[in-house]
C-alpha atoms as a PDB file:
ATOM      1  CA  UNK A   1       7.682   6.752   8.006  1.00  0.00           C
ATOM      2  CA  UNK A   2       8.508   3.156   8.914  1.00  0.00           C
ATOM      3  CA  UNK A   3       7.179   3.617  12.462  1.00  0.00           C
ATOM      4  CA  UNK A   4       3.830   4.828  11.097  1.00  0.00           C
ATOM      5  CA  UNK A   5       3.543   1.776   8.876  1.00  0.00           C
ATOM      6  CA  UNK A   6       4.396  -0.569  11.731  1.00  0.00           C
ATOM      7  CA  UNK A   7       2.101   1.180  14.197  1.00  0.00           C
ATOM      8  CA  UNK A   8      -0.964   0.875  11.984  1.00  0.00           C
ATOM      9  CA  UNK A   9      -0.524  -2.751  10.976  1.00  0.00           C
ATOM     10  CA  UNK A  10      -3.707  -4.834  11.183  1.00  0.00           C
ATOM     11  CA  UNK A  11      -4.470  -6.487  14.520  1.00  0.00           C
ATOM     12  CA  UNK A  12      -4.195  -9.885  12.813  1.00  0.00           C
ATOM     13  CA  UNK A  13      -0.610  -9.310  11.708  1.00  0.00           C
ATOM     14  CA  UNK A  14       2.183 -11.498  13.042  1.00  0.00           C
ATOM     15  CA  UNK A  15       3.989  -8.465  14.477  1.00  0.00           C
ATOM     16  CA  UNK A  16       0.893  -7.395  16.437  1.00  0.00           C
ATOM     17  CA  UNK A  17       0.572 -10.905  17.890  1.00  0.00           C
ATOM     18  CA  UNK A  18       4.278 -10.955  18.742  1.00  0.00           C
ATOM     19  CA  UNK A  19       4.169  -7.580  20.491  1.00  0.00           C
ATOM     20  CA  UNK A  20       1.116  -8.688  22.484  1.00  0.00           C
ATOM     21  CA  UNK A  21       2.590 -11.871  23.931  1.00  0.00           C
ATOM     22  CA  UNK A  22       1.103 -14.193  21.311  1.00  0.00           C
ATOM     23  CA  UNK A  23      -2.446 -12.887  21.730  1.00  0.00           C
ATOM     24  CA  UNK A  24      -4.496 -10.798  19.330  1.00  0.00           C
ATOM     25  CA  UNK A  25      -4.551  -7.157  20.496  1.00  0.00           C
ATOM     26  CA  UNK A  26      -7.897  -5.846  21.688  1.00  0.00           C
ATOM     27  CA  UNK A  27      -9.975  -3.815  19.280  1.00  0.00           C
ATOM     28  CA  UNK A  28     -12.251  -0.913  20.141  1.00  0.00           C
ATOM     29  CA  UNK A  29     -15.163  -3.363  20.285  1.00  0.00           C
ATOM     30  CA  UNK A  30     -13.354  -5.473  22.891  1.00  0.00           C
ATOM     31  CA  UNK A  31     -12.827  -2.434  25.116  1.00  0.00           C
ATOM     32  CA  UNK A  32     -16.425  -1.255  24.721  1.00  0.00           C
ATOM     33  CA  UNK A  33     -17.798  -4.712  25.501  1.00  0.00           C
ATOM     34  CA  UNK A  34     -15.624  -4.990  28.601  1.00  0.00           C
ATOM     35  CA  UNK A  35     -16.918  -1.600  29.797  1.00  0.00           C
ATOM     36  CA  UNK A  36     -20.482  -2.756  29.175  1.00  0.00           C
ATOM     37  CA  UNK A  37     -19.778  -5.964  31.107  1.00  0.00           C
ATOM     38  CA  UNK A  38     -18.491  -3.962  34.069  1.00  0.00           C
ATOM     39  CA  UNK A  39     -21.601  -1.759  34.113  1.00  0.00           C
ATOM     40  CA  UNK A  40     -23.920  -4.768  33.973  1.00  0.00           C
ATOM     41  CA  UNK A  41     -22.044  -6.498  36.796  1.00  0.00           C
ATOM     42  CA  UNK A  42     -22.144  -3.318  38.897  1.00  0.00           C
ATOM     43  CA  UNK A  43     -25.921  -3.127  38.496  1.00  0.00           C
ATOM     44  CA  UNK A  44     -26.314  -6.775  39.402  1.00  0.00           C
ATOM     45  CA  UNK A  45     -23.760  -7.165  42.202  1.00  0.00           C
ATOM     46  CA  UNK A  46     -23.417  -3.644  43.556  1.00  0.00           C
ATOM     47  CA  UNK A  47     -20.348  -2.311  45.331  1.00  0.00           C
ATOM     48  CA  UNK A  48     -18.545  -5.663  45.286  1.00  0.00           C
ATOM     49  CA  UNK A  49     -18.288  -5.554  41.498  1.00  0.00           C
ATOM     50  CA  UNK A  50     -14.819  -5.260  39.940  1.00  0.00           C
ATOM     51  CA  UNK A  51     -13.694  -1.946  38.497  1.00  0.00           C
ATOM     52  CA  UNK A  52     -12.663  -3.518  35.215  1.00  0.00           C
ATOM     53  CA  UNK A  53     -13.097  -6.701  33.260  1.00  0.00           C
ATOM     54  CA  UNK A  54     -10.545  -9.361  34.321  1.00  0.00           C
ATOM     55  CA  UNK A  55      -9.207  -9.682  30.775  1.00  0.00           C
ATOM     56  CA  UNK A  56      -8.756  -5.943  30.554  1.00  0.00           C
ATOM     57  CA  UNK A  57      -6.699  -6.007  33.752  1.00  0.00           C
ATOM     58  CA  UNK A  58      -4.600  -8.808  32.251  1.00  0.00           C
ATOM     59  CA  UNK A  59      -4.182  -6.775  29.043  1.00  0.00           C
ATOM     60  CA  UNK A  60      -2.986  -3.811  31.099  1.00  0.00           C
ATOM     61  CA  UNK A  61      -0.499  -5.987  33.020  1.00  0.00           C
ATOM     62  CA  UNK A  62       0.934  -7.327  29.766  1.00  0.00           C
ATOM     63  CA  UNK A  63       1.219  -3.826  28.341  1.00  0.00           C
ATOM     64  CA  UNK A  64       2.967  -2.565  31.472  1.00  0.00           C
ATOM     65  CA  UNK A  65       5.317  -5.548  31.472  1.00  0.00           C
ATOM     66  CA  UNK A  66       6.374  -4.834  27.886  1.00  0.00           C
ATOM     67  CA  UNK A  67       6.817  -1.150  28.681  1.00  0.00           C
ATOM     68  CA  UNK A  68       8.876  -1.904  31.804  1.00  0.00           C
ATOM     69  CA  UNK A  69      11.039  -4.391  29.911  1.00  0.00           C
ATOM     70  CA  UNK A  70      11.800  -1.840  27.201  1.00  0.00           C
ATOM     71  CA  UNK A  71      12.631   0.768  29.865  1.00  0.00           C
ATOM     72  CA  UNK A  72      15.022  -1.646  31.563  1.00  0.00           C
ATOM     73  CA  UNK A  73      16.677  -2.385  28.231  1.00  0.00           C
ATOM     74  CA  UNK A  74      17.026   1.342  27.488  1.00  0.00           C
ATOM     75  CA  UNK A  75      18.583   1.974  30.911  1.00  0.00           C
ATOM     76  CA  UNK A  76      20.992  -0.915  30.396  1.00  0.00           C
ATOM     77  CA  UNK A  77      22.038   0.458  26.980  1.00  0.00           C
ATOM     78  CA  UNK A  78      22.519   3.938  28.474  1.00  0.00           C
ATOM     79  CA  UNK A  79      24.591   2.508  31.320  1.00  0.00           C
ATOM     80  CA  UNK A  80      26.752   0.565  28.859  1.00  0.00           C
ATOM     81  CA  UNK A  81      27.329   3.727  26.781  1.00  0.00           C
ATOM     82  CA  UNK A  82      28.182   5.730  29.892  1.00  0.00           C
ATOM     83  CA  UNK A  83      30.588   3.070  31.146  1.00  0.00           C
ATOM     84  CA  UNK A  84      32.205   2.882  27.717  1.00  0.00           C
ATOM     85  CA  UNK A  85      32.682   6.661  27.635  1.00  0.00           C
ATOM     86  CA  UNK A  86      34.188   6.650  31.123  1.00  0.00           C
ATOM     87  CA  UNK A  87      36.513   3.798  30.183  1.00  0.00           C
ATOM     88  CA  UNK A  88      37.729   5.653  27.078  1.00  0.00           C
ATOM     89  CA  UNK A  89      38.251   8.873  29.061  1.00  0.00           C
ATOM     90  CA  UNK A  90      40.257   7.121  31.737  1.00  0.00           C
ATOM     91  CA  UNK A  91      42.425   5.414  29.098  1.00  0.00           C
ATOM     92  CA  UNK A  92      43.148   8.738  27.391  1.00  0.00           C
ATOM     93  CA  UNK A  93      43.966  10.614  30.593  1.00  0.00           C
ATOM     94  CA  UNK A  94      45.692   7.792  32.439  1.00  0.00           C
ATOM     95  CA  UNK A  95      47.455   6.485  29.645  1.00  0.00           C
END
């Protein structure tokens, strides 16, 4: 229940800014406008046009960085738990 409330907080909330590196998260309109920008640039420039808006690429990098950081933290916690279990087992068996 708490996760649902946190997940659907407004984009302008302090938590949303904090989770997005101090920037306001993109709304649906931002994504649609960036897609429109890409299509217009492709028509104008041709094959040399970028596949996505530069800000969208930056948004994706930030999102991946946060995801990778949380994965690293989860692996570190799991390793600490595993090491702790092994330490306790060796103390019980060894003595």
